[in-house]
Amino acid sequence: MATNFTVNGKAASTDAPADTPLLWVIREGLKLTGTKFGCGTGLCGACMVHIDGMRAFSCQTQVSEIAGKSVTTIEGLSPDSSHPVQKAWLAEQVPQCGYCQSGQIMTAAALLAKTPKPTDAQIDTAMTGNICRCGTYQRIHRAIQRAARA
């Protein structure tokens, strides 16, 4: 039985089994490869997407949970990379290896959508679900502050 949902503003459908992780539907079925596989256990944040505007670990979200919902991936955050978080990421030169960046950006965007002017503590709390192996945490923090000012 097909699961119908919206991804990046467009109707989508999958015949994947109900317990299939959303991550694999996004990457393999829809060929949207900006969402990354990291740990597979919801600990690193590389697979972060928005579901109905709330951040979600796509590796831990089953297809059955997204029926009728709206999913936004990094590709759908802004078609031309003009989202304030994306612009701030570049201005602060956040990326090194880049692997975690889509998940970091999606988490930061969800934070700013909910809390437009977050405190340092709110930024720290929101970003704890994302790991950067390169250790660019200070630049990530500055980029979120910059995006909040934009």
Protein backbone atom coordinates (compact mmCIF):
# COMPACT_ATOMS: atom_id res chain seq x y z
CA MET A 1 0.00 0.00 0.00
CA ALA A 2 1.37 3.41 -0.97
CA THR A 3 2.21 6.10 1.55
CA ASN A 4 1.40 9.56 0.26
CA PHE A 5 3.11 12.67 1.61
CA THR A 6 4.63 15.94 0.46
CA VAL A 7 8.36 16.51 0.10
CA ASN A 8 9.76 19.97 -0.50
CA GLY A 9 6.31 21.20 -1.50
CA LYS A 10 5.63 18.46 -4.07
CA ALA A 11 3.37 15.44 -3.80
CA ALA A 12 5.27 12.21 -3.23
CA SER A 13 4.39 8.56 -2.77
CA THR A 14 6.28 5.44 -1.82
CA ASP A 15 5.48 1.75 -1.86
CA ALA A 16 8.23 1.06 0.68
CA PRO A 17 7.24 -1.14 3.62
CA ALA A 18 5.70 0.82 6.51
CA ASP A 19 8.74 0.26 8.77
CA THR A 20 11.26 1.58 6.22
CA PRO A 21 13.24 4.53 7.59
CA LEU A 22 12.28 7.79 5.89
CA LEU A 23 15.99 8.40 5.24
CA TRP A 24 16.12 5.58 2.68
CA VAL A 25 12.95 6.77 0.94
CA ILE A 26 14.45 10.26 0.66
CA ARG A 27 17.89 9.14 -0.53
CA GLU A 28 17.17 6.01 -2.56
CA GLY A 29 13.57 6.48 -3.66
CA LEU A 30 13.45 10.23 -4.23
CA LYS A 31 17.18 10.66 -5.03
CA LEU A 32 17.51 13.63 -2.64
CA THR A 33 21.01 12.94 -1.36
CA GLY A 34 21.56 16.05 0.76
CA THR A 35 20.13 14.19 3.75
CA LYS A 36 22.98 12.00 4.99
CA PHE A 37 23.27 8.65 6.73
CA GLY A 38 25.50 9.01 9.76
CA CYS A 39 24.88 6.71 12.69
CA GLY A 40 21.46 5.22 11.92
CA THR A 41 20.45 5.55 15.57
CA GLY A 42 19.36 9.20 15.85
CA LEU A 43 22.48 10.33 17.66
CA CYS A 44 24.46 12.36 15.11
CA GLY A 45 21.88 14.52 13.29
CA ALA A 46 23.27 14.05 9.76
CA CYS A 47 19.84 12.82 8.63
CA MET A 48 17.83 15.76 10.01
CA VAL A 49 14.73 16.86 8.10
CA HIS A 50 11.61 18.81 9.00
CA ILE A 51 8.27 17.04 9.26
CA ASP A 52 5.39 19.48 9.40
CA GLY A 53 7.93 22.14 10.42
CA MET A 54 9.46 20.18 13.30
CA ARG A 55 12.94 18.69 13.10
CA ALA A 56 13.10 14.90 12.90
CA PHE A 57 15.79 12.26 12.57
CA SER A 58 14.87 10.64 9.25
CA CYS A 59 16.82 7.50 10.16
CA GLN A 60 14.45 6.98 13.10
CA THR A 61 11.20 7.99 11.37
CA GLN A 62 9.28 5.19 9.70
CA VAL A 63 7.45 5.74 6.43
CA SER A 64 4.17 4.93 8.19
CA GLU A 65 4.66 8.04 10.35
CA ILE A 66 4.73 10.50 7.45
CA ALA A 67 1.47 9.65 5.69
CA GLY A 68 -0.27 12.91 4.79
CA LYS A 69 2.56 15.01 6.25
CA SER A 70 4.95 17.54 4.78
CA VAL A 71 8.66 16.70 4.71
CA THR A 72 11.34 19.30 4.02
CA THR A 73 14.89 18.25 3.21
CA ILE A 74 17.95 20.46 2.82
CA GLU A 75 17.13 20.68 -0.91
CA GLY A 76 13.75 22.19 -0.04
CA LEU A 77 14.90 24.65 2.61
CA SER A 78 15.44 27.22 -0.14
CA PRO A 79 15.78 26.48 -3.85
CA ASP A 80 18.57 29.04 -4.33
CA SER A 81 20.40 28.70 -0.97
CA SER A 82 19.05 32.08 0.15
CA HIS A 83 17.74 30.91 3.52
CA PRO A 84 19.30 33.09 6.25
CA VAL A 85 20.92 30.06 7.88
CA GLN A 86 22.52 28.95 4.61
CA LYS A 87 23.83 32.45 3.95
CA ALA A 88 25.18 32.73 7.51
CA TRP A 89 26.86 29.32 7.16
CA LEU A 90 28.84 30.59 4.20
CA ALA A 91 29.60 33.98 5.78
CA GLU A 92 31.00 32.28 8.90
CA GLN A 93 32.85 29.66 6.83
CA VAL A 94 31.34 26.85 8.89
CA PRO A 95 31.92 23.78 6.69
CA GLN A 96 35.10 21.75 6.76
CA CYS A 97 34.37 18.23 5.56
CA GLY A 98 30.71 19.18 5.16
CA TYR A 99 29.19 15.81 5.99
CA CYS A 100 27.12 17.01 8.95
CA GLN A 101 26.22 20.37 7.47
CA SER A 102 22.77 19.62 6.02
CA GLY A 103 21.65 18.21 9.37
CA GLN A 104 23.18 21.12 11.27
CA ILE A 105 21.49 23.64 8.96
CA MET A 106 18.11 21.91 9.22
CA THR A 107 18.34 21.93 13.03
CA ALA A 108 19.35 25.59 13.11
CA ALA A 109 16.52 26.52 10.71
CA ALA A 110 13.97 24.70 12.91
CA LEU A 111 15.32 26.51 15.98
CA LEU A 112 15.05 29.94 14.35
CA ALA A 113 11.55 29.21 13.01
CA LYS A 114 10.43 28.48 16.58
CA THR A 115 12.68 30.97 18.40
CA PRO A 116 13.72 33.83 16.10
CA LYS A 117 16.09 35.42 18.64
CA PRO A 118 17.52 32.48 20.62
CA THR A 119 19.82 32.90 23.58
CA ASP A 120 23.21 31.20 23.63
CA ALA A 121 21.78 28.54 25.94
CA GLN A 122 18.86 27.91 23.57
CA ILE A 123 21.26 27.50 20.66
CA ASP A 124 23.40 25.08 22.66
CA THR A 125 20.35 23.05 23.70
CA ALA A 126 18.87 22.90 20.19
CA MET A 127 22.13 21.84 18.57
CA THR A 128 23.02 19.04 21.01
CA GLY A 129 21.46 16.45 18.69
CA ASN A 130 24.01 17.21 15.97
CA ILE A 131 27.62 16.07 15.95
CA CYS A 132 30.40 17.75 13.94
CA ARG A 133 33.47 15.55 13.80
CA CYS A 134 35.53 18.48 12.55
CA GLY A 135 34.66 20.49 15.66
CA THR A 136 33.31 23.64 14.00
CA TYR A 137 30.92 24.26 16.90
CA GLN A 138 32.02 27.86 17.51
CA ARG A 139 31.47 28.75 13.85
CA ILE A 140 28.10 26.97 13.89
CA HIS A 141 27.10 29.01 16.94
CA ARG A 142 28.21 32.27 15.28
CA ALA A 143 26.34 31.39 12.11
CA ILE A 144 23.12 30.84 14.04
CA GLN A 145 23.57 34.15 15.82
CA ARG A 146 24.20 35.85 12.44
CA ALA A 147 21.09 34.26 10.91
CA ALA A 148 19.02 35.40 13.89
CA ARG A 149 20.15 38.99 13.26
CA ALA A 150 19.31 38.78 9.53
